[in-house]
Amino acid sequence: MSVDRKVLAFIKENPGATPREIADALGIPYSSARSAILRLREAGYLIRSSKGGYIVRSALPSGLDEELSGIPSKESAGSSELRELTKGLRELREIVEDLRGRVERLEHEINILKAGLKPRERVERKPSSKKGLIEVLEERGAIKASEAVKLAGGSLDPYVRSGKVILIGSLVVSPEFLNTFKKKFPLKVSEVGRLTQPEKELLDIMIREGIVYLHGGREYRIIE
């Protein structure tokens, strides 16, 4: 049987078949299926389906319909496996196309991320602005010993021995801050409220350490 008649017989049994389905089912090249369909359409045997694919005209030339009716369909010819294979190939192509689309989207997103990272790579790191113990004391005058230990890197001994800092109870103060504070004594009770917070903390520590005492209930004095 010629290719044209095979194609016509297949479409008669499978209305709406596409050239690709015909080629896969009959085991012929796609181009051969397309050429056969073109010749059959020109001869008036086929028309295009509204849903795509092709169908056989309702009225075929005398004798041809009977001839085609006697041709076993692909199902009756025991080619159900071929139909399943064709369906599997079609689904596989759809999966491949879907994966291709996903890969293209991922590549696009990766390019966007790379473009967003480039400006960051050009940003220069700024030098650390972390201040040392002496700098902090110059600004605040007095800080808690626990904070001073962290700023000193774990030990205050080198700073205390060198006279750079003075340890009074749980406070670490700079010599300049302590000397300036001592000049305010004798300190009247009514003036305590005007002291800065570090000065108030230092006053409380000095009272607890017995360095400062309240005289006559009216003023604080330093025990030298």
N, C-alpha and C. Protein backbone atom coordinates (compact mmCIF):
# COMPACT_ATOMS: atom_id res chain seq x y z
N MET A 1 0.85 -1.20 0.00
CA MET A 1 0.00 0.00 0.00
C MET A 1 0.88 1.24 0.00
N SER A 2 0.46 2.21 -0.79
CA SER A 2 1.24 3.43 -0.88
C SER A 2 1.15 4.23 0.42
N VAL A 3 2.10 5.16 0.58
CA VAL A 3 2.13 6.00 1.77
C VAL A 3 0.84 6.82 1.87
N ASP A 4 0.36 7.33 0.71
CA ASP A 4 -0.85 8.16 0.74
C ASP A 4 -2.03 7.38 1.29
N ARG A 5 -2.19 6.12 0.81
CA ARG A 5 -3.32 5.32 1.26
C ARG A 5 -3.17 4.93 2.74
N LYS A 6 -1.93 4.68 3.18
CA LYS A 6 -1.70 4.39 4.61
C LYS A 6 -2.11 5.58 5.48
N VAL A 7 -1.72 6.77 5.02
CA VAL A 7 -2.05 7.99 5.77
C VAL A 7 -3.56 8.20 5.79
N LEU A 8 -4.19 7.99 4.62
CA LEU A 8 -5.63 8.18 4.53
C LEU A 8 -6.37 7.17 5.42
N ALA A 9 -5.90 5.92 5.42
CA ALA A 9 -6.53 4.90 6.25
C ALA A 9 -6.37 5.21 7.73
N PHE A 10 -5.19 5.72 8.10
CA PHE A 10 -4.94 6.03 9.51
C PHE A 10 -5.85 7.17 9.98
N ILE A 11 -5.96 8.20 9.16
CA ILE A 11 -6.79 9.35 9.54
C ILE A 11 -8.26 8.95 9.61
N LYS A 12 -8.68 8.02 8.72
CA LYS A 12 -10.07 7.56 8.76
C LYS A 12 -10.37 6.88 10.09
N GLU A 13 -9.40 6.13 10.61
CA GLU A 13 -9.58 5.45 11.89
C GLU A 13 -9.27 6.36 13.09
N ASN A 14 -8.56 7.47 12.83
CA ASN A 14 -8.13 8.36 13.92
C ASN A 14 -8.39 9.81 13.51
N PRO A 15 -9.65 10.21 13.45
CA PRO A 15 -9.97 11.59 13.04
C PRO A 15 -9.26 12.61 13.93
N GLY A 16 -8.78 13.67 13.30
CA GLY A 16 -8.10 14.73 14.04
C GLY A 16 -6.62 14.48 14.26
N ALA A 17 -6.08 13.41 13.70
CA ALA A 17 -4.67 13.10 13.88
C ALA A 17 -3.81 14.20 13.26
N THR A 18 -2.68 14.48 13.89
CA THR A 18 -1.75 15.50 13.40
C THR A 18 -0.65 14.82 12.59
N PRO A 19 0.08 15.59 11.78
CA PRO A 19 1.17 15.00 10.99
C PRO A 19 2.19 14.27 11.86
N ARG A 20 2.49 14.82 13.03
CA ARG A 20 3.46 14.17 13.90
C ARG A 20 2.93 12.84 14.41
N GLU A 21 1.66 12.81 14.82
CA GLU A 21 1.07 11.56 15.29
C GLU A 21 1.04 10.51 14.18
N ILE A 22 0.72 10.96 12.97
CA ILE A 22 0.66 10.04 11.83
C ILE A 22 2.05 9.46 11.54
N ALA A 23 3.04 10.34 11.53
CA ALA A 23 4.41 9.89 11.24
C ALA A 23 4.88 8.90 12.30
N ASP A 24 4.62 9.19 13.59
CA ASP A 24 5.06 8.30 14.66
C ASP A 24 4.32 6.98 14.61
N ALA A 25 3.02 7.02 14.33
CA ALA A 25 2.22 5.79 14.33
C ALA A 25 2.58 4.88 13.16
N LEU A 26 2.82 5.45 11.99
CA LEU A 26 3.12 4.65 10.80
C LEU A 26 4.60 4.37 10.62
N GLY A 27 5.41 5.02 11.45
CA GLY A 27 6.85 4.79 11.35
C GLY A 27 7.46 5.36 10.11
N ILE A 28 6.94 6.51 9.66
CA ILE A 28 7.47 7.16 8.47
C ILE A 28 8.03 8.53 8.85
N PRO A 29 8.89 9.11 8.02
CA PRO A 29 9.42 10.43 8.34
C PRO A 29 8.30 11.48 8.42
N TYR A 30 8.52 12.46 9.24
CA TYR A 30 7.54 13.54 9.39
C TYR A 30 7.28 14.25 8.06
N SER A 31 8.34 14.44 7.30
CA SER A 31 8.21 15.13 6.00
C SER A 31 7.35 14.31 5.04
N SER A 32 7.45 12.97 5.11
CA SER A 32 6.64 12.11 4.24
C SER A 32 5.17 12.21 4.61
N ALA A 33 4.90 12.28 5.93
CA ALA A 33 3.52 12.42 6.38
C ALA A 33 2.94 13.74 5.90
N ARG A 34 3.71 14.79 6.01
CA ARG A 34 3.25 16.11 5.58
C ARG A 34 2.96 16.13 4.08
N SER A 35 3.86 15.53 3.29
CA SER A 35 3.69 15.51 1.83
C SER A 35 2.44 14.72 1.45
N ALA A 36 2.24 13.59 2.13
CA ALA A 36 1.07 12.76 1.82
C ALA A 36 -0.22 13.51 2.14
N ILE A 37 -0.23 14.22 3.28
CA ILE A 37 -1.41 14.98 3.67
C ILE A 37 -1.70 16.07 2.63
N LEU A 38 -0.65 16.72 2.15
CA LEU A 38 -0.83 17.78 1.16
C LEU A 38 -1.44 17.23 -0.13
N ARG A 39 -0.94 16.08 -0.56
CA ARG A 39 -1.46 15.48 -1.79
C ARG A 39 -2.92 15.04 -1.61
N LEU A 40 -3.24 14.49 -0.43
CA LEU A 40 -4.60 14.02 -0.16
C LEU A 40 -5.57 15.19 -0.04
N ARG A 41 -5.09 16.32 0.49
CA ARG A 41 -5.95 17.50 0.58
C ARG A 41 -6.23 18.06 -0.81
N GLU A 42 -5.18 18.10 -1.63
CA GLU A 42 -5.35 18.62 -2.98
C GLU A 42 -6.29 17.73 -3.80
N ALA A 43 -6.28 16.43 -3.48
CA ALA A 43 -7.15 15.49 -4.20
C ALA A 43 -8.57 15.51 -3.65
N GLY A 44 -8.79 16.24 -2.57
CA GLY A 44 -10.12 16.35 -2.01
C GLY A 44 -10.49 15.25 -1.03
N TYR A 45 -9.51 14.44 -0.56
CA TYR A 45 -9.79 13.35 0.36
C TYR A 45 -9.80 13.80 1.83
N LEU A 46 -9.03 14.85 2.14
CA LEU A 46 -8.89 15.30 3.53
C LEU A 46 -9.32 16.75 3.67
N ILE A 47 -9.77 17.07 4.86
CA ILE A 47 -10.01 18.47 5.23
C ILE A 47 -9.43 18.68 6.62
N ARG A 48 -9.15 19.92 6.91
CA ARG A 48 -8.54 20.24 8.20
C ARG A 48 -9.62 20.32 9.27
N SER A 49 -9.32 19.73 10.43
CA SER A 49 -10.26 19.75 11.56
C SER A 49 -10.24 21.10 12.24
N SER A 50 -11.40 21.51 12.80
CA SER A 50 -11.47 22.79 13.52
C SER A 50 -10.63 22.76 14.79
N LYS A 51 -10.31 21.56 15.29
CA LYS A 51 -9.51 21.44 16.51
C LYS A 51 -8.05 21.14 16.20
N GLY A 52 -7.71 21.22 14.93
CA GLY A 52 -6.35 20.90 14.54
C GLY A 52 -6.29 19.47 14.02
N GLY A 53 -5.31 19.14 13.27
CA GLY A 53 -5.23 17.82 12.68
C GLY A 53 -6.10 17.73 11.43
N TYR A 54 -6.35 16.50 11.00
CA TYR A 54 -7.07 16.31 9.74
C TYR A 54 -8.11 15.21 9.88
N ILE A 55 -9.14 15.31 9.07
CA ILE A 55 -10.19 14.30 9.04
C ILE A 55 -10.50 13.96 7.59
N VAL A 56 -11.08 12.73 7.38
CA VAL A 56 -11.44 12.29 6.02
C VAL A 56 -12.80 12.88 5.66
N ARG A 57 -12.93 13.29 4.41
CA ARG A 57 -14.21 13.85 3.94
C ARG A 57 -15.31 12.80 4.13
N SER A 58 -16.51 13.28 4.40
CA SER A 58 -17.64 12.37 4.66
C SER A 58 -17.95 11.48 3.46
N ALA A 59 -17.70 11.99 2.28
CA ALA A 59 -18.00 11.20 1.08
C ALA A 59 -16.72 11.01 0.28
N LEU A 60 -16.26 9.75 0.20
CA LEU A 60 -15.08 9.43 -0.58
C LEU A 60 -15.48 8.89 -1.95
N PRO A 61 -14.58 8.95 -2.89
CA PRO A 61 -14.89 8.40 -4.22
C PRO A 61 -15.33 6.95 -4.14
N SER A 62 -16.19 6.54 -5.05
CA SER A 62 -16.74 5.19 -5.07
C SER A 62 -15.62 4.15 -5.09
N GLY A 63 -15.73 3.19 -4.24
CA GLY A 63 -14.75 2.10 -4.17
C GLY A 63 -13.63 2.37 -3.20
N LEU A 64 -13.25 3.65 -3.03
CA LEU A 64 -12.13 3.96 -2.12
C LEU A 64 -12.52 3.73 -0.68
N ASP A 65 -13.75 4.13 -0.31
CA ASP A 65 -14.19 3.97 1.07
C ASP A 65 -14.21 2.49 1.45
N GLU A 66 -14.69 1.65 0.49
CA GLU A 66 -14.73 0.22 0.78
C GLU A 66 -13.33 -0.35 0.91
N GLU A 67 -12.43 0.16 0.06
CA GLU A 67 -11.04 -0.33 0.11
C GLU A 67 -10.40 0.01 1.45
N LEU A 68 -10.66 1.27 1.89
CA LEU A 68 -10.07 1.68 3.16
C LEU A 68 -10.71 0.96 4.33
N SER A 69 -12.00 0.65 4.22
CA SER A 69 -12.69 -0.05 5.30
C SER A 69 -12.12 -1.43 5.51
N GLY A 70 -11.57 -1.98 4.46
CA GLY A 70 -11.02 -3.32 4.59
C GLY A 70 -9.61 -3.34 5.14
N ILE A 71 -9.06 -2.16 5.32
CA ILE A 71 -7.70 -2.08 5.86
C ILE A 71 -7.77 -2.13 7.38
N PRO A 72 -7.08 -3.01 8.01
CA PRO A 72 -7.14 -3.09 9.48
C PRO A 72 -6.64 -1.79 10.08
N SER A 73 -7.36 -1.33 11.09
CA SER A 73 -6.88 -0.15 11.83
C SER A 73 -5.66 -0.53 12.62
N LYS A 74 -5.00 0.44 13.14
CA LYS A 74 -3.77 0.15 13.90
C LYS A 74 -4.06 -0.61 15.17
N GLU A 75 -5.32 -0.46 15.70
CA GLU A 75 -5.69 -1.21 16.89
C GLU A 75 -5.93 -2.68 16.52
N SER A 76 -6.73 -2.89 15.42
CA SER A 76 -7.03 -4.25 15.03
C SER A 76 -5.81 -4.96 14.49
N ALA A 77 -4.85 -4.23 14.05
CA ALA A 77 -3.62 -4.83 13.54
C ALA A 77 -2.65 -5.16 14.66
N GLY A 78 -3.08 -4.99 15.88
CA GLY A 78 -2.22 -5.33 17.02
C GLY A 78 -1.17 -4.31 17.31
N SER A 79 -1.44 -3.05 16.97
CA SER A 79 -0.44 -2.00 17.19
C SER A 79 -0.83 -1.09 18.36
N SER A 80 -1.54 -1.64 19.36
CA SER A 80 -1.90 -0.82 20.53
C SER A 80 -0.65 -0.35 21.27
N GLU A 81 0.41 -1.22 21.21
CA GLU A 81 1.67 -0.82 21.85
C GLU A 81 2.26 0.41 21.17
N LEU A 82 2.06 0.47 19.82
CA LEU A 82 2.56 1.63 19.09
C LEU A 82 1.82 2.89 19.49
N ARG A 83 0.51 2.78 19.74
CA ARG A 83 -0.26 3.94 20.19
C ARG A 83 0.26 4.43 21.55
N GLU A 84 0.51 3.47 22.46
CA GLU A 84 1.01 3.85 23.78
C GLU A 84 2.39 4.49 23.67
N LEU A 85 3.21 3.94 22.76
CA LEU A 85 4.53 4.51 22.56
C LEU A 85 4.44 5.92 22.02
N THR A 86 3.50 6.12 21.06
CA THR A 86 3.31 7.45 20.50
C THR A 86 2.86 8.44 21.57
N LYS A 87 1.95 8.00 22.41
CA LYS A 87 1.47 8.85 23.50
C LYS A 87 2.59 9.18 24.47
N GLY A 88 3.41 8.14 24.77
CA GLY A 88 4.54 8.38 25.69
C GLY A 88 5.54 9.36 25.13
N LEU A 89 5.82 9.24 23.82
CA LEU A 89 6.75 10.18 23.19
C LEU A 89 6.20 11.60 23.22
N ARG A 90 4.89 11.74 22.98
CA ARG A 90 4.28 13.06 23.01
C ARG A 90 4.37 13.68 24.41
N GLU A 91 4.11 12.86 25.44
CA GLU A 91 4.20 13.36 26.81
C GLU A 91 5.65 13.71 27.16
N LEU A 92 6.58 12.88 26.64
CA LEU A 92 7.98 13.16 26.90
C LEU A 92 8.42 14.48 26.28
N ARG A 93 7.94 14.76 25.05
CA ARG A 93 8.26 16.03 24.41
C ARG A 93 7.72 17.21 25.22
N GLU A 94 6.50 17.02 25.76
CA GLU A 94 5.91 18.09 26.57
C GLU A 94 6.73 18.33 27.83
N ILE A 95 7.20 17.24 28.45
CA ILE A 95 8.04 17.38 29.65
C ILE A 95 9.34 18.09 29.33
N VAL A 96 9.96 17.70 28.19
CA VAL A 96 11.22 18.34 27.78
C VAL A 96 11.01 19.82 27.54
N GLU A 97 9.91 20.18 26.87
CA GLU A 97 9.64 21.59 26.61
C GLU A 97 9.43 22.36 27.90
N ASP A 98 8.74 21.73 28.86
CA ASP A 98 8.51 22.38 30.16
C ASP A 98 9.83 22.58 30.89
N LEU A 99 10.69 21.55 30.86
CA LEU A 99 11.99 21.67 31.52
C LEU A 99 12.85 22.74 30.86
N ARG A 100 12.78 22.81 29.54
CA ARG A 100 13.56 23.84 28.83
C ARG A 100 13.12 25.23 29.26
N GLY A 101 11.79 25.40 29.40
CA GLY A 101 11.28 26.70 29.84
C GLY A 101 11.74 27.04 31.25
N ARG A 102 11.76 26.03 32.12
CA ARG A 102 12.20 26.26 33.50
C ARG A 102 13.68 26.64 33.55
N VAL A 103 14.47 25.93 32.75
CA VAL A 103 15.91 26.24 32.72
C VAL A 103 16.15 27.66 32.25
N GLU A 104 15.42 28.08 31.23
CA GLU A 104 15.58 29.44 30.72
C GLU A 104 15.20 30.46 31.78
N ARG A 105 14.11 30.18 32.54
CA ARG A 105 13.72 31.12 33.60
C ARG A 105 14.77 31.17 34.70
N LEU A 106 15.33 30.00 35.06
CA LEU A 106 16.37 29.97 36.10
C LEU A 106 17.61 30.73 35.65
N GLU A 107 18.01 30.55 34.40
CA GLU A 107 19.17 31.28 33.89
C GLU A 107 18.93 32.78 33.95
N HIS A 108 17.69 33.18 33.60
CA HIS A 108 17.35 34.61 33.66
C HIS A 108 17.44 35.13 35.09
N GLU A 109 16.91 34.36 36.05
CA GLU A 109 16.95 34.79 37.45
C GLU A 109 18.38 34.84 37.97
N ILE A 110 19.21 33.87 37.55
CA ILE A 110 20.61 33.86 37.99
C ILE A 110 21.35 35.08 37.45
N ASN A 111 21.09 35.44 36.22
CA ASN A 111 21.72 36.63 35.64
C ASN A 111 21.31 37.89 36.39
N ILE A 112 20.03 37.94 36.80
CA ILE A 112 19.57 39.10 37.58
C ILE A 112 20.29 39.15 38.92
N LEU A 113 20.45 37.99 39.57
CA LEU A 113 21.15 37.95 40.86
C LEU A 113 22.61 38.36 40.71
N LYS A 114 23.24 37.88 39.64
CA LYS A 114 24.64 38.25 39.41
C LYS A 114 24.77 39.76 39.20
N ALA A 115 23.84 40.31 38.45
CA ALA A 115 23.88 41.76 38.21
C ALA A 115 23.69 42.53 39.50
N GLY A 116 22.87 41.99 40.40
CA GLY A 116 22.64 42.66 41.67
C GLY A 116 23.81 42.55 42.62
N LEU A 117 24.64 41.51 42.46
CA LEU A 117 25.77 41.32 43.35
C LEU A 117 27.00 42.13 42.94
N LYS A 118 27.09 42.51 41.67
CA LYS A 118 28.28 43.20 41.19
C LYS A 118 28.56 44.51 41.94
N PRO A 119 27.56 45.38 42.16
CA PRO A 119 27.84 46.62 42.89
C PRO A 119 28.39 46.37 44.28
N ARG A 120 27.90 45.29 44.92
CA ARG A 120 28.37 45.00 46.27
C ARG A 120 29.84 44.62 46.28
N GLU A 121 30.26 43.93 45.19
CA GLU A 121 31.65 43.51 45.14
C GLU A 121 32.59 44.70 45.05
N ARG A 122 32.08 45.81 44.52
CA ARG A 122 32.94 46.98 44.36
C ARG A 122 32.99 47.85 45.62
N VAL A 123 32.11 47.55 46.60
CA VAL A 123 32.08 48.36 47.82
C VAL A 123 33.29 48.04 48.67
N GLU A 124 34.04 49.02 49.02
CA GLU A 124 35.22 48.83 49.85
C GLU A 124 34.81 48.76 51.32
N ARG A 125 35.47 47.89 52.06
CA ARG A 125 35.20 47.75 53.48
C ARG A 125 35.75 48.96 54.23
N LYS A 126 34.91 49.49 55.08
CA LYS A 126 35.36 50.62 55.88
C LYS A 126 36.17 50.13 57.08
N PRO A 127 37.15 50.88 57.47
CA PRO A 127 37.91 50.49 58.66
C PRO A 127 37.00 50.38 59.86
N SER A 128 37.34 49.47 60.75
CA SER A 128 36.53 49.27 61.95
C SER A 128 36.51 50.54 62.81
N SER A 129 35.30 50.90 63.24
CA SER A 129 35.14 52.11 64.05
C SER A 129 35.10 51.79 65.54
N LYS A 130 35.48 50.58 65.91
CA LYS A 130 35.45 50.18 67.31
C LYS A 130 36.49 50.98 68.10
N LYS A 131 36.05 51.55 69.20
CA LYS A 131 36.93 52.39 70.02
C LYS A 131 37.57 51.57 71.14
N GLY A 132 38.77 52.02 71.53
CA GLY A 132 39.46 51.35 72.61
C GLY A 132 39.07 51.89 73.97
N LEU A 133 39.65 51.31 75.01
CA LEU A 133 39.32 51.69 76.39
C LEU A 133 39.63 53.16 76.65
N ILE A 134 40.77 53.63 76.27
CA ILE A 134 41.17 55.01 76.56
C ILE A 134 40.27 56.00 75.85
N GLU A 135 39.91 55.70 74.60
CA GLU A 135 39.02 56.59 73.84
C GLU A 135 37.65 56.70 74.49
N VAL A 136 37.14 55.58 74.96
CA VAL A 136 35.83 55.59 75.61
C VAL A 136 35.89 56.38 76.91
N LEU A 137 36.97 56.21 77.67
CA LEU A 137 37.10 56.95 78.93
C LEU A 137 37.25 58.45 78.69
N GLU A 138 37.91 58.83 77.62
CA GLU A 138 38.05 60.25 77.30
C GLU A 138 36.69 60.87 77.02
N GLU A 139 35.77 60.06 76.46
CA GLU A 139 34.44 60.58 76.15
C GLU A 139 33.51 60.56 77.36
N ARG A 140 33.57 59.48 78.14
CA ARG A 140 32.58 59.29 79.21
C ARG A 140 33.12 59.51 80.61
N GLY A 141 34.42 59.43 80.77
CA GLY A 141 35.02 59.67 82.08
C GLY A 141 35.08 58.45 82.96
N ALA A 142 33.97 57.73 83.07
CA ALA A 142 33.92 56.55 83.93
C ALA A 142 33.02 55.50 83.30
N ILE A 143 33.42 54.23 83.39
CA ILE A 143 32.60 53.13 82.88
C ILE A 143 32.71 51.96 83.86
N LYS A 144 31.80 51.03 83.75
CA LYS A 144 31.83 49.86 84.62
C LYS A 144 33.03 49.00 84.29
N ALA A 145 33.56 48.32 85.30
CA ALA A 145 34.76 47.51 85.12
C ALA A 145 34.53 46.38 84.12
N SER A 146 33.31 45.78 84.11
CA SER A 146 33.04 44.67 83.18
C SER A 146 33.15 45.14 81.72
N GLU A 147 32.66 46.35 81.45
CA GLU A 147 32.76 46.91 80.10
C GLU A 147 34.21 47.25 79.77
N ALA A 148 34.93 47.76 80.76
CA ALA A 148 36.33 48.14 80.55
C ALA A 148 37.19 46.93 80.21
N VAL A 149 36.88 45.78 80.86
CA VAL A 149 37.65 44.56 80.60
C VAL A 149 37.48 44.14 79.14
N LYS A 150 36.25 44.22 78.62
CA LYS A 150 36.01 43.86 77.22
C LYS A 150 36.76 44.79 76.28
N LEU A 151 36.73 46.10 76.58
CA LEU A 151 37.42 47.06 75.73
C LEU A 151 38.92 46.89 75.79
N ALA A 152 39.42 46.41 76.93
CA ALA A 152 40.87 46.23 77.10
C ALA A 152 41.35 44.92 76.52
N GLY A 153 40.43 44.08 76.13
CA GLY A 153 40.84 42.81 75.54
C GLY A 153 41.04 41.71 76.55
N GLY A 154 40.53 41.89 77.77
CA GLY A 154 40.57 40.80 78.75
C GLY A 154 41.29 41.13 80.04
N SER A 155 42.13 42.14 80.08
CA SER A 155 42.88 42.44 81.31
C SER A 155 43.10 43.96 81.46
N LEU A 156 42.85 44.47 82.69
CA LEU A 156 43.05 45.89 82.96
C LEU A 156 44.41 46.17 83.59
N ASP A 157 45.13 45.10 83.97
CA ASP A 157 46.39 45.27 84.70
C ASP A 157 47.38 46.21 84.00
N PRO A 158 47.63 46.06 82.70
CA PRO A 158 48.59 46.96 82.05
C PRO A 158 48.17 48.43 82.13
N TYR A 159 46.88 48.70 82.03
CA TYR A 159 46.39 50.07 82.08
C TYR A 159 46.49 50.64 83.50
N VAL A 160 46.20 49.79 84.49
CA VAL A 160 46.27 50.25 85.89
C VAL A 160 47.71 50.51 86.29
N ARG A 161 48.64 49.58 85.91
CA ARG A 161 50.05 49.74 86.29
C ARG A 161 50.67 50.97 85.65
N SER A 162 50.24 51.28 84.43
CA SER A 162 50.80 52.44 83.73
C SER A 162 50.15 53.75 84.17
N GLY A 163 49.09 53.66 84.98
CA GLY A 163 48.42 54.87 85.47
C GLY A 163 47.46 55.48 84.46
N LYS A 164 47.18 54.76 83.37
CA LYS A 164 46.26 55.30 82.36
C LYS A 164 44.82 55.27 82.83
N VAL A 165 44.52 54.34 83.72
CA VAL A 165 43.17 54.25 84.29
C VAL A 165 43.28 54.03 85.79
N ILE A 166 42.19 54.34 86.49
CA ILE A 166 42.14 54.13 87.94
C ILE A 166 40.91 53.29 88.24
N LEU A 167 41.10 52.25 89.04
CA LEU A 167 40.02 51.35 89.40
C LEU A 167 39.50 51.73 90.78
N ILE A 168 38.22 52.10 90.83
CA ILE A 168 37.58 52.45 92.10
C ILE A 168 36.32 51.58 92.25
N GLY A 169 36.40 50.60 93.10
CA GLY A 169 35.28 49.68 93.26
C GLY A 169 34.98 48.97 91.95
N SER A 170 33.75 49.11 91.46
CA SER A 170 33.34 48.46 90.21
C SER A 170 33.39 49.42 89.03
N LEU A 171 34.05 50.60 89.24
CA LEU A 171 34.18 51.59 88.18
C LEU A 171 35.63 51.76 87.76
N VAL A 172 35.81 52.04 86.45
CA VAL A 172 37.12 52.39 85.92
C VAL A 172 37.02 53.83 85.43
N VAL A 173 37.93 54.70 85.92
CA VAL A 173 37.87 56.11 85.56
C VAL A 173 39.22 56.56 85.02
N SER A 174 39.18 57.63 84.26
CA SER A 174 40.43 58.21 83.78
C SER A 174 40.98 59.15 84.85
N PRO A 175 42.29 59.31 84.94
CA PRO A 175 42.88 60.20 85.95
C PRO A 175 42.35 61.63 85.82
N GLU A 176 42.19 62.10 84.59
CA GLU A 176 41.71 63.47 84.38
C GLU A 176 40.30 63.64 84.92
N PHE A 177 39.44 62.67 84.66
CA PHE A 177 38.06 62.75 85.13
C PHE A 177 38.01 62.74 86.66
N LEU A 178 38.83 61.87 87.27
CA LEU A 178 38.84 61.79 88.74
C LEU A 178 39.36 63.08 89.36
N ASN A 179 40.40 63.66 88.80
CA ASN A 179 40.95 64.91 89.36
C ASN A 179 39.95 66.06 89.24
N THR A 180 39.27 66.13 88.11
CA THR A 180 38.27 67.18 87.92
C THR A 180 37.12 67.00 88.91
N PHE A 181 36.74 65.76 89.14
CA PHE A 181 35.64 65.49 90.08
C PHE A 181 36.03 65.84 91.51
N LYS A 182 37.26 65.54 91.88
CA LYS A 182 37.70 65.84 93.25
C LYS A 182 37.68 67.33 93.55
N LYS A 183 37.88 68.16 92.53
CA LYS A 183 37.89 69.61 92.73
C LYS A 183 36.52 70.15 93.15
N LYS A 184 35.47 69.32 92.98
CA LYS A 184 34.13 69.77 93.36
C LYS A 184 33.84 69.57 94.84
N PHE A 185 34.77 68.98 95.56
CA PHE A 185 34.60 68.76 97.01
C PHE A 185 35.22 69.92 97.79
N PRO A 186 34.64 70.21 98.96
CA PRO A 186 33.42 69.63 99.52
C PRO A 186 32.21 69.91 98.64
N LEU A 187 31.37 68.87 98.50
CA LEU A 187 30.22 68.92 97.60
C LEU A 187 28.94 68.99 98.43
N LYS A 188 28.20 70.06 98.23
CA LYS A 188 26.96 70.21 98.99
C LYS A 188 25.91 69.21 98.49
N VAL A 189 25.08 68.74 99.40
CA VAL A 189 24.04 67.78 99.05
C VAL A 189 23.10 68.37 97.99
N SER A 190 22.87 69.67 98.10
CA SER A 190 21.95 70.32 97.15
C SER A 190 22.52 70.37 95.74
N GLU A 191 23.84 70.15 95.58
CA GLU A 191 24.47 70.21 94.26
C GLU A 191 24.59 68.84 93.58
N VAL A 192 24.24 67.78 94.32
CA VAL A 192 24.37 66.43 93.76
C VAL A 192 23.50 66.27 92.52
N GLY A 193 22.34 66.89 92.54
CA GLY A 193 21.42 66.76 91.42
C GLY A 193 21.97 67.34 90.12
N ARG A 194 22.95 68.23 90.20
CA ARG A 194 23.51 68.84 89.00
C ARG A 194 24.69 68.04 88.42
N LEU A 195 25.07 66.95 89.08
CA LEU A 195 26.18 66.12 88.59
C LEU A 195 25.75 65.33 87.35
N THR A 196 26.71 65.00 86.51
CA THR A 196 26.43 64.11 85.36
C THR A 196 26.22 62.69 85.87
N GLN A 197 25.69 61.85 85.03
CA GLN A 197 25.43 60.46 85.44
C GLN A 197 26.72 59.74 85.83
N PRO A 198 27.80 59.86 85.06
CA PRO A 198 29.05 59.21 85.49
C PRO A 198 29.54 59.75 86.82
N GLU A 199 29.36 61.05 87.06
CA GLU A 199 29.78 61.62 88.34
C GLU A 199 28.94 61.09 89.50
N LYS A 200 27.64 60.93 89.26
CA LYS A 200 26.79 60.35 90.31
C LYS A 200 27.17 58.92 90.62
N GLU A 201 27.47 58.14 89.58
CA GLU A 201 27.89 56.76 89.79
C GLU A 201 29.21 56.72 90.55
N LEU A 202 30.12 57.61 90.21
CA LEU A 202 31.41 57.66 90.90
C LEU A 202 31.22 58.07 92.35
N LEU A 203 30.33 59.03 92.63
CA LEU A 203 30.07 59.46 94.00
C LEU A 203 29.54 58.30 94.83
N ASP A 204 28.59 57.54 94.29
CA ASP A 204 28.02 56.40 95.01
C ASP A 204 29.09 55.36 95.33
N ILE A 205 29.96 55.07 94.35
CA ILE A 205 31.02 54.09 94.57
C ILE A 205 32.00 54.59 95.65
N MET A 206 32.35 55.86 95.59
CA MET A 206 33.31 56.41 96.56
C MET A 206 32.73 56.42 97.97
N ILE A 207 31.41 56.61 98.06
CA ILE A 207 30.78 56.55 99.39
C ILE A 207 30.83 55.12 99.92
N ARG A 208 30.50 54.13 99.05
CA ARG A 208 30.51 52.73 99.47
C ARG A 208 31.91 52.25 99.80
N GLU A 209 32.91 52.78 99.11
CA GLU A 209 34.29 52.38 99.34
C GLU A 209 34.92 53.14 100.52
N GLY A 210 34.18 54.06 101.09
CA GLY A 210 34.70 54.80 102.24
C GLY A 210 35.66 55.91 101.88
N ILE A 211 35.63 56.32 100.62
CA ILE A 211 36.51 57.40 100.17
C ILE A 211 35.85 58.75 100.42
N VAL A 212 34.53 58.78 100.39
CA VAL A 212 33.75 60.01 100.60
C VAL A 212 32.76 59.77 101.75
N TYR A 213 32.55 60.78 102.58
CA TYR A 213 31.58 60.67 103.67
C TYR A 213 30.74 61.94 103.71
N LEU A 214 29.57 61.81 104.34
CA LEU A 214 28.65 62.94 104.49
C LEU A 214 28.95 63.67 105.80
N HIS A 215 29.27 64.92 105.67
CA HIS A 215 29.64 65.71 106.85
C HIS A 215 28.48 66.62 107.27
N GLY A 216 28.02 66.43 108.51
CA GLY A 216 26.98 67.29 109.08
C GLY A 216 25.66 67.23 108.32
N GLY A 217 25.50 66.20 107.46
CA GLY A 217 24.27 66.07 106.72
C GLY A 217 24.10 67.13 105.64
N ARG A 218 25.16 67.94 105.41
CA ARG A 218 25.02 69.05 104.48
C ARG A 218 25.94 68.95 103.27
N GLU A 219 27.10 68.30 103.42
CA GLU A 219 28.04 68.24 102.30
C GLU A 219 28.88 66.98 102.35
N TYR A 220 29.36 66.58 101.18
CA TYR A 220 30.22 65.40 101.08
C TYR A 220 31.67 65.85 101.07
N ARG A 221 32.49 65.09 101.79
CA ARG A 221 33.92 65.40 101.84
C ARG A 221 34.73 64.15 101.51
N ILE A 222 35.93 64.36 100.93
CA ILE A 222 36.83 63.27 100.57
C ILE A 222 37.78 63.01 101.71
N ILE A 223 37.98 61.73 102.00
CA ILE A 223 38.98 61.35 103.00
C ILE A 223 40.30 61.17 102.29
N GLU A 224 41.20 62.07 102.55
CA GLU A 224 42.51 62.01 101.89
C GLU A 224 43.50 61.18 102.72
